[in-house]
Amino acid sequence: MILFPAIDLKEGECVRLIHGDMSQATVFNANPAAQAKSFEDQGFEYLHVVDLDGAFSGKPINSFAVDAILQAIKMPVQLGGGIRDMRTVEGWLAKGVSRTIIGTAAVRDPSFVREAARIHPGKIAVGVDARDGLVAVEGWARVSQLSALDIGKRFEDAGVSAIIYTDIARDGVLTGLNIEATLALADALTIPVIASGGLASMGDVVRLLQPDCARLAGAITGRALYDGRLNAEEALALIRRSREKSVA
């Protein structure tokens, strides 16, 4: 299980939103590169970055901040937000992004996602952000008529590396991950699933390390890290001990 610290970018700063509402943004660090380096120094293995402005506009907006992050750290980075064509995918991969996350285009242009996954195996993830069971697009501003499972099934045989499942109702409000819905999605798919939205405390980390969550590829944590509800050293030590125990 990989615990991904999250950096959400708005106007070049590291922020957290509530329910994806851009008007409810709290700035946690004006220097995203420094924040990324802090996460790496704490021992995290993989960074999750979202260009929030890009998600709304449909094209990269915070490229300067992402470039600075990539230059500041050595750990792999998965990036989403405004990635809706092959040129953007290949541009980010060329700059050193390890995995691009495609959300809106997974709903509106599935053939592009399939082609990207074919050309860049292991480098394409799909972001599935659900509100009341239906997938939201364009930075969560609009809701489609497709369920999370509909999207997951659409790419079952496409070579997508992961599904990142976010329960929008829990995002940014520290109410705990929607484990039940995330596991239901993971059970229905062969694509690895990453949990996102609401991770609030060590209790969530402990829950993620239970045997029934072993099929999850990881979880993303944001606000809980920033406001100190989740102690990074303690969480990573627990995950490390769990790995060592499973190997033994």
Protein backbone atom coordinates (compact mmCIF):
# COMPACT_ATOMS: atom_id res chain seq x y z
CA MET A 1 0.00 0.00 0.00
CA ILE A 2 1.40 3.36 -1.07
CA LEU A 3 0.42 6.51 0.82
CA PHE A 4 0.47 9.42 -1.62
CA PRO A 5 0.80 12.94 -0.18
CA ALA A 6 -1.18 15.39 -2.31
CA ILE A 7 -0.27 18.79 -3.68
CA ASP A 8 -3.17 20.65 -5.26
CA LEU A 9 -2.11 23.69 -7.26
CA LYS A 10 -4.14 26.87 -7.56
CA GLU A 11 -2.56 30.05 -8.93
CA GLY A 12 0.89 28.60 -8.29
CA GLU A 13 0.27 27.80 -4.64
CA CYS A 14 -0.31 24.62 -2.69
CA VAL A 15 -3.93 24.61 -1.51
CA ARG A 16 -6.66 22.32 -0.26
CA LEU A 17 -10.29 22.64 -1.26
CA ILE A 18 -13.54 21.56 0.40
CA HIS A 19 -15.68 19.36 -1.87
CA GLY A 20 -13.65 20.61 -4.83
CA ASP A 21 -15.01 24.14 -4.44
CA MET A 22 -12.43 26.60 -5.78
CA SER A 23 -13.96 29.37 -3.66
CA GLN A 24 -13.14 27.37 -0.51
CA ALA A 25 -9.38 27.14 -0.99
CA THR A 26 -6.97 27.23 1.95
CA VAL A 27 -3.37 28.05 1.05
CA PHE A 28 -0.98 25.78 2.92
CA ASN A 29 2.25 26.62 1.16
CA ALA A 30 3.07 29.33 -1.36
CA ASN A 31 6.07 27.24 -2.49
CA PRO A 32 4.86 23.87 -3.87
CA ALA A 33 8.41 22.73 -4.68
CA ALA A 34 9.44 23.21 -1.08
CA GLN A 35 6.35 21.32 0.03
CA ALA A 36 7.21 18.45 -2.31
CA LYS A 37 10.77 18.32 -0.97
CA SER A 38 9.39 18.26 2.58
CA PHE A 39 7.22 15.27 1.72
CA GLU A 40 10.21 13.48 0.17
CA ASP A 41 12.36 14.21 3.21
CA GLN A 42 9.64 12.76 5.45
CA GLY A 43 9.99 9.46 3.60
CA PHE A 44 7.05 9.42 1.20
CA GLU A 45 7.66 7.34 -1.93
CA TYR A 46 5.28 8.79 -4.52
CA LEU A 47 3.73 12.25 -4.93
CA HIS A 48 0.22 13.06 -6.16
CA VAL A 49 -0.16 16.46 -7.86
CA VAL A 50 -3.27 18.10 -9.32
CA ASP A 51 -3.36 21.26 -11.42
CA LEU A 52 -6.73 22.54 -10.18
CA ASP A 53 -6.81 25.50 -12.54
CA GLY A 54 -5.95 23.15 -15.38
CA ALA A 55 -8.81 20.83 -14.46
CA PHE A 56 -11.28 23.70 -14.88
CA SER A 57 -9.70 25.21 -18.00
CA GLY A 58 -8.95 21.95 -19.83
CA LYS A 59 -5.25 22.70 -20.31
CA PRO A 60 -2.17 22.96 -18.07
CA ILE A 61 -2.13 26.21 -16.10
CA ASN A 62 0.32 25.61 -13.25
CA SER A 63 3.13 24.29 -15.43
CA PHE A 64 5.75 26.49 -13.78
CA ALA A 65 4.91 25.09 -10.34
CA VAL A 66 4.89 21.50 -11.61
CA ASP A 67 8.26 22.04 -13.31
CA ALA A 68 9.69 23.34 -10.04
CA ILE A 69 8.36 20.30 -8.18
CA LEU A 70 9.91 17.92 -10.69
CA GLN A 71 13.26 19.67 -10.33
CA ALA A 72 13.12 19.65 -6.53
CA ILE A 73 12.53 15.95 -5.89
CA LYS A 74 13.59 12.50 -7.02
CA MET A 75 10.50 10.51 -6.03
CA PRO A 76 7.99 9.71 -8.80
CA VAL A 77 5.10 12.08 -9.46
CA GLN A 78 1.62 11.33 -10.76
CA LEU A 79 -0.10 14.38 -12.21
CA GLY A 80 -3.69 15.22 -13.11
CA GLY A 81 -5.63 18.30 -14.15
CA GLY A 82 -6.18 19.55 -17.69
CA ILE A 83 -4.71 16.51 -19.42
CA ARG A 84 -7.05 15.97 -22.36
CA ASP A 85 -4.91 15.25 -25.41
CA MET A 86 -1.87 13.22 -26.40
CA ARG A 87 0.36 16.25 -26.75
CA THR A 88 -0.19 17.16 -23.11
CA VAL A 89 0.38 13.57 -21.95
CA GLU A 90 3.63 13.30 -23.86
CA GLY A 91 4.76 16.77 -22.80
CA TRP A 92 4.45 15.87 -19.12
CA LEU A 93 6.03 12.45 -19.53
CA ALA A 94 8.97 14.04 -21.34
CA LYS A 95 9.44 16.43 -18.42
CA GLY A 96 9.68 13.55 -15.96
CA VAL A 97 6.14 12.94 -14.71
CA SER A 98 5.90 9.22 -13.96
CA ARG A 99 2.18 8.85 -14.52
CA THR A 100 -0.47 11.15 -15.95
CA ILE A 101 -4.02 11.07 -14.61
CA ILE A 102 -6.86 11.55 -17.08
CA GLY A 103 -10.29 12.44 -15.72
CA THR A 104 -12.64 14.48 -17.91
CA ALA A 105 -11.34 12.93 -21.13
CA ALA A 106 -11.99 9.46 -19.71
CA VAL A 107 -15.68 10.37 -19.85
CA ARG A 108 -15.70 12.38 -23.06
CA ASP A 109 -12.96 10.85 -25.19
CA PRO A 110 -12.33 7.26 -24.09
CA SER A 111 -10.57 6.38 -27.36
CA PHE A 112 -7.85 8.92 -26.49
CA VAL A 113 -7.32 7.30 -23.11
CA ARG A 114 -7.08 3.85 -24.65
CA GLU A 115 -4.59 5.07 -27.23
CA ALA A 116 -2.50 6.84 -24.59
CA ALA A 117 -2.42 3.67 -22.46
CA ARG A 118 -1.38 1.64 -25.50
CA ILE A 119 1.45 3.98 -26.47
CA HIS A 120 2.61 4.66 -22.91
CA PRO A 121 2.06 1.45 -20.91
CA GLY A 122 2.14 1.96 -17.16
CA LYS A 123 2.05 5.73 -17.55
CA ILE A 124 -1.70 6.39 -17.73
CA ALA A 125 -4.10 6.44 -14.78
CA VAL A 126 -7.77 7.35 -14.82
CA GLY A 127 -9.26 9.71 -12.27
CA VAL A 128 -12.79 8.74 -11.26
CA ASP A 129 -14.35 11.44 -9.11
CA ALA A 130 -17.87 10.60 -7.98
CA ARG A 131 -20.62 12.77 -6.57
CA ASP A 132 -23.72 10.86 -5.41
CA GLY A 133 -22.53 7.87 -7.40
CA LEU A 134 -22.03 9.72 -10.70
CA VAL A 135 -18.72 10.81 -12.19
CA ALA A 136 -18.00 14.56 -12.19
CA VAL A 137 -15.86 16.27 -14.83
CA GLU A 138 -14.24 19.65 -15.58
CA GLY A 139 -12.78 20.08 -12.13
CA TRP A 140 -15.97 18.57 -10.64
CA ALA A 141 -18.00 21.46 -12.05
CA ARG A 142 -20.29 19.17 -14.07
CA VAL A 143 -21.73 15.73 -13.36
CA SER A 144 -22.01 13.06 -16.05
CA GLN A 145 -24.55 10.26 -16.22
CA LEU A 146 -21.88 7.58 -15.81
CA SER A 147 -21.06 5.73 -12.61
CA ALA A 148 -17.58 5.02 -11.33
CA LEU A 149 -18.02 1.39 -12.35
CA ASP A 150 -19.11 2.42 -15.86
CA ILE A 151 -15.83 4.28 -16.30
CA GLY A 152 -13.76 1.51 -14.76
CA LYS A 153 -15.30 -1.16 -16.99
CA ARG A 154 -14.72 1.05 -20.01
CA PHE A 155 -10.95 0.67 -19.57
CA GLU A 156 -10.69 -2.87 -18.17
CA ASP A 157 -8.73 -4.14 -21.14
CA ALA A 158 -6.97 -0.89 -22.06
CA GLY A 159 -3.79 -1.24 -20.01
CA VAL A 160 -4.60 1.61 -17.64
CA SER A 161 -2.19 1.48 -14.69
CA ALA A 162 -4.61 2.62 -11.96
CA ILE A 163 -8.02 4.03 -11.15
CA ILE A 164 -7.91 6.89 -8.65
CA TYR A 165 -11.32 6.92 -6.99
CA THR A 166 -12.41 10.04 -5.13
CA ASP A 167 -15.63 10.44 -3.18
CA ILE A 168 -16.21 14.17 -3.68
CA ALA A 169 -18.55 14.41 -0.68
CA ARG A 170 -15.64 13.45 1.57
CA ASP A 171 -12.88 15.40 -0.12
CA GLY A 172 -11.26 18.01 2.09
CA VAL A 173 -13.61 17.55 5.05
CA LEU A 174 -11.72 14.88 7.03
CA THR A 175 -14.65 12.50 7.46
CA GLY A 176 -12.71 9.36 6.55
CA LEU A 177 -12.27 7.46 3.32
CA ASN A 178 -15.26 5.79 1.70
CA ILE A 179 -13.76 2.34 2.09
CA GLU A 180 -16.96 0.51 1.25
CA ALA A 181 -17.42 2.17 -2.15
CA THR A 182 -13.71 1.97 -2.95
CA LEU A 183 -13.54 -1.74 -2.19
CA ALA A 184 -16.71 -2.39 -4.20
CA LEU A 185 -15.06 -0.74 -7.20
CA ALA A 186 -11.81 -2.66 -6.66
CA ASP A 187 -13.72 -5.93 -6.41
CA ALA A 188 -15.42 -5.29 -9.74
CA LEU A 189 -12.23 -4.41 -11.64
CA THR A 190 -8.84 -5.90 -12.37
CA ILE A 191 -7.30 -2.42 -12.62
CA PRO A 192 -5.57 -1.39 -9.37
CA VAL A 193 -7.63 1.16 -7.40
CA ILE A 194 -6.27 4.03 -5.29
CA ALA A 195 -8.52 5.54 -2.60
CA SER A 196 -8.92 9.30 -2.34
CA GLY A 197 -11.08 11.81 -0.51
CA GLY A 198 -11.48 12.19 3.24
CA LEU A 199 -8.46 10.45 4.77
CA ALA A 200 -8.53 11.99 8.22
CA SER A 201 -6.32 10.20 10.72
CA MET A 202 -4.19 7.21 11.67
CA GLY A 203 -7.46 5.33 11.99
CA ASP A 204 -7.84 5.48 8.22
CA VAL A 205 -4.29 4.22 7.72
CA VAL A 206 -4.92 1.34 10.12
CA ARG A 207 -8.12 0.51 8.22
CA LEU A 208 -6.26 0.52 4.91
CA LEU A 209 -3.83 -2.06 6.28
CA GLN A 210 -6.57 -4.56 7.12
CA PRO A 211 -6.62 -7.74 4.99
CA ASP A 212 -9.71 -6.77 2.97
CA CYS A 213 -7.94 -3.60 1.75
CA ALA A 214 -4.91 -5.52 0.49
CA ARG A 215 -6.31 -5.32 -3.04
CA LEU A 216 -6.11 -1.51 -2.99
CA ALA A 217 -2.99 0.01 -4.55
CA GLY A 218 -2.83 2.89 -2.10
CA ALA A 219 -4.49 6.01 -0.78
CA ILE A 220 -4.07 9.77 -1.16
CA THR A 221 -3.85 12.09 1.82
CA GLY A 222 -4.04 15.87 1.77
CA ARG A 223 -5.57 18.11 4.41
CA ALA A 224 -4.91 15.67 7.27
CA LEU A 225 -1.18 15.97 6.58
CA TYR A 226 -1.25 19.73 6.28
CA ASP A 227 -3.16 20.43 9.47
CA GLY A 228 -1.29 17.85 11.54
CA ARG A 229 -4.09 15.35 12.09
CA LEU A 230 -1.95 12.70 10.41
CA ASN A 231 1.63 12.25 11.59
CA ALA A 232 3.68 11.32 8.53
CA GLU A 233 6.44 9.55 10.44
CA GLU A 234 3.97 7.43 12.39
CA ALA A 235 1.88 6.58 9.33
CA LEU A 236 4.85 5.60 7.17
CA ALA A 237 6.36 3.52 9.99
CA LEU A 238 3.10 1.62 10.35
CA ILE A 239 2.96 0.95 6.60
CA ARG A 240 6.58 -0.17 6.61
CA ARG A 241 5.97 -2.60 9.48
CA SER A 242 2.95 -3.98 7.66
CA ARG A 243 5.02 -4.60 4.54
CA GLU A 244 7.77 -6.31 6.49
CA LYS A 245 5.23 -8.52 8.22
CA SER A 246 3.61 -9.55 4.94
CA VAL A 247 6.98 -10.41 3.42
CA ALA A 248 7.97 -12.46 6.45
